[in-house]
Amino acid sequence: MAQGRWFFRVIERGNGVWTCRRGRHDLDHHDSLQEALEHMTSVAVQHRPSEVVVHYLHGGVESAAILP
């Protein structure tokens, strides 16, 4: 049976903070998008195949990293 891809999310909050999330669980918060992406990418590397997705406050979504 094929294993699915893990999704790790970085979510922009209205207070300027970025939340790192796996499923429904917040892992931590960062003051910059770059810090949050670095953290989530380091976590995603340990759970391949995985993808890091950014959710912007204005409703946009983009893939930041795909780790086969």
C-alpha atoms as a PDB file:
ATOM      1  CA  MET A   1       0.000   0.000   0.000  1.00  0.00           C
ATOM      2  CA  ALA A   2       1.422   3.414  -0.975  1.00  0.00           C
ATOM      3  CA  GLN A   3       2.127   5.928   1.757  1.00  0.00           C
ATOM      4  CA  GLY A   4       0.627   9.412   1.360  1.00  0.00           C
ATOM      5  CA  ARG A   5       2.421  12.712   1.664  1.00  0.00           C
ATOM      6  CA  TRP A   6       2.702  14.518   5.025  1.00  0.00           C
ATOM      7  CA  PHE A   7       1.609  18.171   5.001  1.00  0.00           C
ATOM      8  CA  PHE A   8       3.176  20.773   7.282  1.00  0.00           C
ATOM      9  CA  ARG A   9       1.613  24.211   7.321  1.00  0.00           C
ATOM     10  CA  VAL A  10       2.869  27.703   8.083  1.00  0.00           C
ATOM     11  CA  ILE A  11      -0.083  29.982   8.801  1.00  0.00           C
ATOM     12  CA  GLU A  12      -0.011  33.793   8.881  1.00  0.00           C
ATOM     13  CA  ARG A  13      -1.851  35.243  11.891  1.00  0.00           C
ATOM     14  CA  GLY A  14      -3.379  38.710  12.142  1.00  0.00           C
ATOM     15  CA  ASN A  15      -0.923  39.761  14.844  1.00  0.00           C
ATOM     16  CA  GLY A  16       2.142  39.359  12.591  1.00  0.00           C
ATOM     17  CA  VAL A  17       3.026  35.938  13.985  1.00  0.00           C
ATOM     18  CA  TRP A  18       3.454  32.787  11.890  1.00  0.00           C
ATOM     19  CA  THR A  19       2.127  29.507  13.305  1.00  0.00           C
ATOM     20  CA  CYS A  20       3.687  26.139  12.451  1.00  0.00           C
ATOM     21  CA  ARG A  21       1.088  23.389  12.350  1.00  0.00           C
ATOM     22  CA  ARG A  22       0.847  19.659  11.666  1.00  0.00           C
ATOM     23  CA  GLY A  23      -2.760  18.542  11.297  1.00  0.00           C
ATOM     24  CA  ARG A  24      -4.763  20.277  14.016  1.00  0.00           C
ATOM     25  CA  HIS A  25      -1.782  20.726  16.322  1.00  0.00           C
ATOM     26  CA  ASP A  26       0.133  23.983  16.594  1.00  0.00           C
ATOM     27  CA  LEU A  27       3.819  23.165  17.008  1.00  0.00           C
ATOM     28  CA  ASP A  28       5.087  26.676  17.700  1.00  0.00           C
ATOM     29  CA  HIS A  29       5.045  30.313  16.576  1.00  0.00           C
ATOM     30  CA  HIS A  30       7.616  32.572  14.895  1.00  0.00           C
ATOM     31  CA  ASP A  31       8.008  36.307  14.339  1.00  0.00           C
ATOM     32  CA  SER A  32       8.944  35.914  10.657  1.00  0.00           C
ATOM     33  CA  LEU A  33       7.905  33.767   7.729  1.00  0.00           C
ATOM     34  CA  GLN A  34      11.542  32.810   7.087  1.00  0.00           C
ATOM     35  CA  GLU A  35      11.988  31.447  10.629  1.00  0.00           C
ATOM     36  CA  ALA A  36       8.743  29.471  10.386  1.00  0.00           C
ATOM     37  CA  LEU A  37       9.693  28.015   6.984  1.00  0.00           C
ATOM     38  CA  GLU A  38      13.128  26.990   8.219  1.00  0.00           C
ATOM     39  CA  HIS A  39      11.574  25.231  11.208  1.00  0.00           C
ATOM     40  CA  MET A  40       8.849  23.441   9.242  1.00  0.00           C
ATOM     41  CA  THR A  41      11.255  22.377   6.506  1.00  0.00           C
ATOM     42  CA  SER A  42      13.571  20.836   9.111  1.00  0.00           C
ATOM     43  CA  VAL A  43      10.598  18.920  10.546  1.00  0.00           C
ATOM     44  CA  ALA A  44       9.316  17.885   7.105  1.00  0.00           C
ATOM     45  CA  VAL A  45      12.720  16.452   6.144  1.00  0.00           C
ATOM     46  CA  GLN A  46      12.248  13.868   8.905  1.00  0.00           C
ATOM     47  CA  HIS A  47       8.833  12.778   7.547  1.00  0.00           C
ATOM     48  CA  ARG A  48       9.282  12.209   3.817  1.00  0.00           C
ATOM     49  CA  PRO A  49       7.451  12.316   1.518  1.00  0.00           C
ATOM     50  CA  SER A  50       6.190  15.670   2.717  1.00  0.00           C
ATOM     51  CA  GLU A  51       5.242  19.182   1.696  1.00  0.00           C
ATOM     52  CA  VAL A  52       5.428  22.554   3.435  1.00  0.00           C
ATOM     53  CA  VAL A  53       2.486  24.819   2.586  1.00  0.00           C
ATOM     54  CA  VAL A  54       2.079  28.521   3.431  1.00  0.00           C
ATOM     55  CA  HIS A  55      -1.389  29.933   4.219  1.00  0.00           C
ATOM     56  CA  TYR A  56      -1.506  33.736   3.929  1.00  0.00           C
ATOM     57  CA  LEU A  57      -3.915  35.952   5.816  1.00  0.00           C
ATOM     58  CA  HIS A  58      -5.439  37.239   2.545  1.00  0.00           C
ATOM     59  CA  GLY A  59      -6.480  33.658   1.687  1.00  0.00           C
ATOM     60  CA  GLY A  60      -3.643  32.711  -0.650  1.00  0.00           C
ATOM     61  CA  VAL A  61      -1.948  29.336  -0.365  1.00  0.00           C
ATOM     62  CA  GLU A  62       1.383  28.263  -1.863  1.00  0.00           C
ATOM     63  CA  SER A  63       3.685  25.306  -1.698  1.00  0.00           C
ATOM     64  CA  ALA A  64       7.023  26.295  -0.141  1.00  0.00           C
ATOM     65  CA  ALA A  65       8.816  22.921  -0.297  1.00  0.00           C
ATOM     66  CA  ILE A  66       8.198  19.426  -1.612  1.00  0.00           C
ATOM     67  CA  LEU A  67      10.406  16.717  -0.114  1.00  0.00           C
ATOM     68  CA  PRO A  68      10.151  13.382  -1.959  1.00  0.00           C
END
